[in-house]
Amino acid sequence: MGELKELSRQSDIVEAISGKKRTDHKLYYAKDLIDQLPEDSDIKRRINEILKG
């Protein structure tokens, strides 16, 4: 609360009217492949950080 946000980012209608284009890129990892990485792997740690947000 009390935080300013861009209206076109909060409303699909305003975004459509404004003509701004946004893309949302998604990257999917197979959990079984992540689980196969070594526990002390920096890559595994980083992937998990990204996935948990």
PDB file of N, CA and C in Angstrom:
ATOM      1  N   MET A   1       0.843  -1.171   0.000  1.00  0.00           N
ATOM      2  CA  MET A   1       0.000   0.000   0.000  1.00  0.00           C
ATOM      3  C   MET A   1       0.891   1.238   0.000  1.00  0.00           C
ATOM      4  N   GLY A   2       0.408   2.314  -0.621  1.00  0.00           N
ATOM      5  CA  GLY A   2       1.194   3.525  -0.703  1.00  0.00           C
ATOM      6  C   GLY A   2       2.264   3.487  -1.772  1.00  0.00           C
ATOM      7  N   GLU A   3       2.255   2.465  -2.590  1.00  0.00           N
ATOM      8  CA  GLU A   3       3.270   2.294  -3.625  1.00  0.00           C
ATOM      9  C   GLU A   3       2.694   2.742  -4.968  1.00  0.00           C
ATOM     10  N   LEU A   4       3.455   3.543  -5.709  1.00  0.00           N
ATOM     11  CA  LEU A   4       3.019   3.987  -7.025  1.00  0.00           C
ATOM     12  C   LEU A   4       3.333   2.922  -8.064  1.00  0.00           C
ATOM     13  N   LYS A   5       2.347   2.671  -8.935  1.00  0.00           N
ATOM     14  CA  LYS A   5       2.549   1.691  -9.994  1.00  0.00           C
ATOM     15  C   LYS A   5       2.018   2.268 -11.297  1.00  0.00           C
ATOM     16  N   GLU A   6       2.668   1.919 -12.393  1.00  0.00           N
ATOM     17  CA  GLU A   6       2.251   2.359 -13.712  1.00  0.00           C
ATOM     18  C   GLU A   6       0.922   1.690 -14.053  1.00  0.00           C
ATOM     19  N   LEU A   7      -0.102   2.501 -14.379  1.00  0.00           N
ATOM     20  CA  LEU A   7      -1.433   1.979 -14.643  1.00  0.00           C
ATOM     21  C   LEU A   7      -1.450   0.987 -15.805  1.00  0.00           C
ATOM     22  N   SER A   8      -0.674   1.255 -16.854  1.00  0.00           N
ATOM     23  CA  SER A   8      -0.675   0.359 -18.007  1.00  0.00           C
ATOM     24  C   SER A   8      -0.080  -1.007 -17.672  1.00  0.00           C
ATOM     25  N   ARG A   9       0.671  -1.080 -16.586  1.00  0.00           N
ATOM     26  CA  ARG A   9       1.220  -2.369 -16.163  1.00  0.00           C
ATOM     27  C   ARG A   9       0.248  -3.111 -15.256  1.00  0.00           C
ATOM     28  N   GLN A  10      -0.737  -2.414 -14.724  1.00  0.00           N
ATOM     29  CA  GLN A  10      -1.683  -3.028 -13.806  1.00  0.00           C
ATOM     30  C   GLN A  10      -3.011  -3.380 -14.481  1.00  0.00           C
ATOM     31  N   SER A  11      -3.302  -2.771 -15.607  1.00  0.00           N
ATOM     32  CA  SER A  11      -4.583  -2.965 -16.273  1.00  0.00           C
ATOM     33  C   SER A  11      -4.377  -3.413 -17.720  1.00  0.00           C
ATOM     34  N   ASP A  12      -4.921  -4.576 -18.039  1.00  0.00           N
ATOM     35  CA  ASP A  12      -4.825  -5.072 -19.411  1.00  0.00           C
ATOM     36  C   ASP A  12      -5.569  -4.147 -20.372  1.00  0.00           C
ATOM     37  N   ILE A  13      -6.664  -3.562 -19.912  1.00  0.00           N
ATOM     38  CA  ILE A  13      -7.454  -2.657 -20.763  1.00  0.00           C
ATOM     39  C   ILE A  13      -6.651  -1.411 -21.098  1.00  0.00           C
ATOM     40  N   VAL A  14      -6.068  -0.779 -20.089  1.00  0.00           N
ATOM     41  CA  VAL A  14      -5.270   0.432 -20.322  1.00  0.00           C
ATOM     42  C   VAL A  14      -4.060   0.097 -21.183  1.00  0.00           C
ATOM     43  N   GLU A  15      -3.469  -1.027 -20.939  1.00  0.00           N
ATOM     44  CA  GLU A  15      -2.312  -1.451 -21.745  1.00  0.00           C
ATOM     45  C   GLU A  15      -2.712  -1.586 -23.210  1.00  0.00           C
ATOM     46  N   ALA A  16      -3.868  -2.202 -23.467  1.00  0.00           N
ATOM     47  CA  ALA A  16      -4.336  -2.390 -24.842  1.00  0.00           C
ATOM     48  C   ALA A  16      -4.618  -1.051 -25.511  1.00  0.00           C
ATOM     49  N   ILE A  17      -5.227  -0.137 -24.786  1.00  0.00           N
ATOM     50  CA  ILE A  17      -5.559   1.184 -25.328  1.00  0.00           C
ATOM     51  C   ILE A  17      -4.292   1.991 -25.599  1.00  0.00           C
ATOM     52  N   SER A  18      -3.325   1.892 -24.718  1.00  0.00           N
ATOM     53  CA  SER A  18      -2.112   2.698 -24.842  1.00  0.00           C
ATOM     54  C   SER A  18      -1.221   2.224 -25.990  1.00  0.00           C
ATOM     55  N   GLY A  19      -1.424   1.005 -26.446  1.00  0.00           N
ATOM     56  CA  GLY A  19      -0.630   0.469 -27.550  1.00  0.00           C
ATOM     57  C   GLY A  19       0.738  -0.021 -27.128  1.00  0.00           C
ATOM     58  N   LYS A  20       1.006  -0.012 -25.830  1.00  0.00           N
ATOM     59  CA  LYS A  20       2.298  -0.511 -25.358  1.00  0.00           C
ATOM     60  C   LYS A  20       2.329  -2.021 -25.482  1.00  0.00           C
ATOM     61  N   LYS A  21       3.426  -2.505 -25.954  1.00  0.00           N
ATOM     62  CA  LYS A  21       3.588  -3.956 -26.087  1.00  0.00           C
ATOM     63  C   LYS A  21       4.541  -4.436 -25.004  1.00  0.00           C
ATOM     64  N   ARG A  22       4.125  -5.471 -24.304  1.00  0.00           N
ATOM     65  CA  ARG A  22       4.978  -6.110 -23.301  1.00  0.00           C
ATOM     66  C   ARG A  22       5.063  -7.579 -23.643  1.00  0.00           C
ATOM     67  N   THR A  23       6.209  -8.113 -23.446  1.00  0.00           N
ATOM     68  CA  THR A  23       6.348  -9.551 -23.647  1.00  0.00           C
ATOM     69  C   THR A  23       6.745 -10.182 -22.323  1.00  0.00           C
ATOM     70  N   ASP A  24       6.269 -11.350 -22.150  1.00  0.00           N
ATOM     71  CA  ASP A  24       6.568 -12.104 -20.941  1.00  0.00           C
ATOM     72  C   ASP A  24       7.270 -13.381 -21.375  1.00  0.00           C
ATOM     73  N   HIS A  25       8.554 -13.466 -21.080  1.00  0.00           N
ATOM     74  CA  HIS A  25       9.327 -14.634 -21.477  1.00  0.00           C
ATOM     75  C   HIS A  25       9.327 -15.646 -20.345  1.00  0.00           C
ATOM     76  N   LYS A  26       9.102 -16.878 -20.710  1.00  0.00           N
ATOM     77  CA  LYS A  26       9.103 -17.931 -19.711  1.00  0.00           C
ATOM     78  C   LYS A  26      10.154 -18.966 -20.094  1.00  0.00           C
ATOM     79  N   LEU A  27      10.781 -19.510 -19.096  1.00  0.00           N
ATOM     80  CA  LEU A  27      11.784 -20.537 -19.305  1.00  0.00           C
ATOM     81  C   LEU A  27      11.419 -21.708 -18.403  1.00  0.00           C
ATOM     82  N   TYR A  28      11.298 -22.871 -18.978  1.00  0.00           N
ATOM     83  CA  TYR A  28      10.886 -24.044 -18.221  1.00  0.00           C
ATOM     84  C   TYR A  28      12.048 -25.014 -18.085  1.00  0.00           C
ATOM     85  N   TYR A  29      12.186 -25.543 -16.887  1.00  0.00           N
ATOM     86  CA  TYR A  29      13.198 -26.560 -16.608  1.00  0.00           C
ATOM     87  C   TYR A  29      12.483 -27.812 -16.120  1.00  0.00           C
ATOM     88  N   ALA A  30      12.910 -28.931 -16.614  1.00  0.00           N
ATOM     89  CA  ALA A  30      12.353 -30.194 -16.131  1.00  0.00           C
ATOM     90  C   ALA A  30      12.911 -30.460 -14.732  1.00  0.00           C
ATOM     91  N   LYS A  31      12.011 -30.668 -13.768  1.00  0.00           N
ATOM     92  CA  LYS A  31      12.428 -30.849 -12.383  1.00  0.00           C
ATOM     93  C   LYS A  31      13.375 -32.029 -12.217  1.00  0.00           C
ATOM     94  N   ASP A  32      13.125 -33.115 -12.944  1.00  0.00           N
ATOM     95  CA  ASP A  32      13.996 -34.281 -12.797  1.00  0.00           C
ATOM     96  C   ASP A  32      15.425 -33.977 -13.253  1.00  0.00           C
ATOM     97  N   LEU A  33      15.582 -33.094 -14.249  1.00  0.00           N
ATOM     98  CA  LEU A  33      16.924 -32.719 -14.690  1.00  0.00           C
ATOM     99  C   LEU A  33      17.607 -31.820 -13.660  1.00  0.00           C
ATOM    100  N   ILE A  34      16.843 -30.929 -13.053  1.00  0.00           N
ATOM    101  CA  ILE A  34      17.403 -30.075 -11.995  1.00  0.00           C
ATOM    102  C   ILE A  34      17.820 -30.935 -10.815  1.00  0.00           C
ATOM    103  N   ASP A  35      16.977 -31.902 -10.455  1.00  0.00           N
ATOM    104  CA  ASP A  35      17.279 -32.778  -9.319  1.00  0.00           C
ATOM    105  C   ASP A  35      18.544 -33.604  -9.540  1.00  0.00           C
ATOM    106  N   GLN A  36      18.889 -33.855 -10.791  1.00  0.00           N
ATOM    107  CA  GLN A  36      20.086 -34.647 -11.101  1.00  0.00           C
ATOM    108  C   GLN A  36      21.384 -33.852 -10.937  1.00  0.00           C
ATOM    109  N   LEU A  37      21.288 -32.536 -10.865  1.00  0.00           N
ATOM    110  CA  LEU A  37      22.487 -31.711 -10.686  1.00  0.00           C
ATOM    111  C   LEU A  37      23.044 -31.932  -9.287  1.00  0.00           C
ATOM    112  N   PRO A  38      24.355 -31.832  -9.124  1.00  0.00           N
ATOM    113  CA  PRO A  38      24.954 -31.999  -7.793  1.00  0.00           C
ATOM    114  C   PRO A  38      24.394 -30.956  -6.812  1.00  0.00           C
ATOM    115  N   GLU A  39      24.203 -31.367  -5.578  1.00  0.00           N
ATOM    116  CA  GLU A  39      23.615 -30.491  -4.550  1.00  0.00           C
ATOM    117  C   GLU A  39      24.411 -29.199  -4.357  1.00  0.00           C
ATOM    118  N   ASP A  40      25.726 -29.258  -4.507  1.00  0.00           N
ATOM    119  CA  ASP A  40      26.560 -28.073  -4.298  1.00  0.00           C
ATOM    120  C   ASP A  40      26.773 -27.270  -5.588  1.00  0.00           C
ATOM    121  N   SER A  41      25.996 -27.574  -6.610  1.00  0.00           N
ATOM    122  CA  SER A  41      26.135 -26.913  -7.908  1.00  0.00           C
ATOM    123  C   SER A  41      25.611 -25.480  -7.852  1.00  0.00           C
ATOM    124  N   ASP A  42      26.432 -24.524  -8.307  1.00  0.00           N
ATOM    125  CA  ASP A  42      26.001 -23.123  -8.386  1.00  0.00           C
ATOM    126  C   ASP A  42      24.838 -22.970  -9.365  1.00  0.00           C
ATOM    127  N   ILE A  43      24.867 -23.762 -10.425  1.00  0.00           N
ATOM    128  CA  ILE A  43      23.790 -23.689 -11.417  1.00  0.00           C
ATOM    129  C   ILE A  43      22.475 -24.126 -10.789  1.00  0.00           C
ATOM    130  N   LYS A  44      22.495 -25.214 -10.038  1.00  0.00           N
ATOM    131  CA  LYS A  44      21.280 -25.702  -9.381  1.00  0.00           C
ATOM    132  C   LYS A  44      20.758 -24.671  -8.386  1.00  0.00           C
ATOM    133  N   ARG A  45      21.658 -24.078  -7.622  1.00  0.00           N
ATOM    134  CA  ARG A  45      21.261 -23.056  -6.656  1.00  0.00           C
ATOM    135  C   ARG A  45      20.631 -21.876  -7.354  1.00  0.00           C
ATOM    136  N   ARG A  46      21.232 -21.406  -8.438  1.00  0.00           N
ATOM    137  CA  ARG A  46      20.727 -20.244  -9.165  1.00  0.00           C
ATOM    138  C   ARG A  46      19.367 -20.526  -9.813  1.00  0.00           C
ATOM    139  N   ILE A  47      19.231 -21.690 -10.418  1.00  0.00           N
ATOM    140  CA  ILE A  47      17.948 -22.056 -11.030  1.00  0.00           C
ATOM    141  C   ILE A  47      16.855 -22.063  -9.960  1.00  0.00           C
ATOM    142  N   ASN A  48      17.150 -22.658  -8.821  1.00  0.00           N
ATOM    143  CA  ASN A  48      16.150 -22.708  -7.744  1.00  0.00           C
ATOM    144  C   ASN A  48      15.811 -21.306  -7.223  1.00  0.00           C
ATOM    145  N   GLU A  49      16.789 -20.417  -7.147  1.00  0.00           N
ATOM    146  CA  GLU A  49      16.521 -19.039  -6.725  1.00  0.00           C
ATOM    147  C   GLU A  49      15.563 -18.353  -7.706  1.00  0.00           C
ATOM    148  N   ILE A  50      15.828 -18.532  -8.992  1.00  0.00           N
ATOM    149  CA  ILE A  50      14.986 -17.915 -10.018  1.00  0.00           C
ATOM    150  C   ILE A  50      13.586 -18.483  -9.972  1.00  0.00           C
ATOM    151  N   LEU A  51      13.468 -19.798  -9.853  1.00  0.00           N
ATOM    152  CA  LEU A  51      12.160 -20.429  -9.863  1.00  0.00           C
ATOM    153  C   LEU A  51      11.325 -20.063  -8.633  1.00  0.00           C
ATOM    154  N   LYS A  52      11.983 -19.843  -7.512  1.00  0.00           N
ATOM    155  CA  LYS A  52      11.259 -19.485  -6.286  1.00  0.00           C
ATOM    156  C   LYS A  52      10.916 -18.007  -6.240  1.00  0.00           C
ATOM    157  N   GLY A  53      11.529 -17.239  -7.144  1.00  0.00           N
ATOM    158  CA  GLY A  53      11.226 -15.807  -7.225  1.00  0.00           C
ATOM    159  C   GLY A  53      11.842 -15.074  -6.143  1.00  0.00           C
TER     160      GLY A  53
END
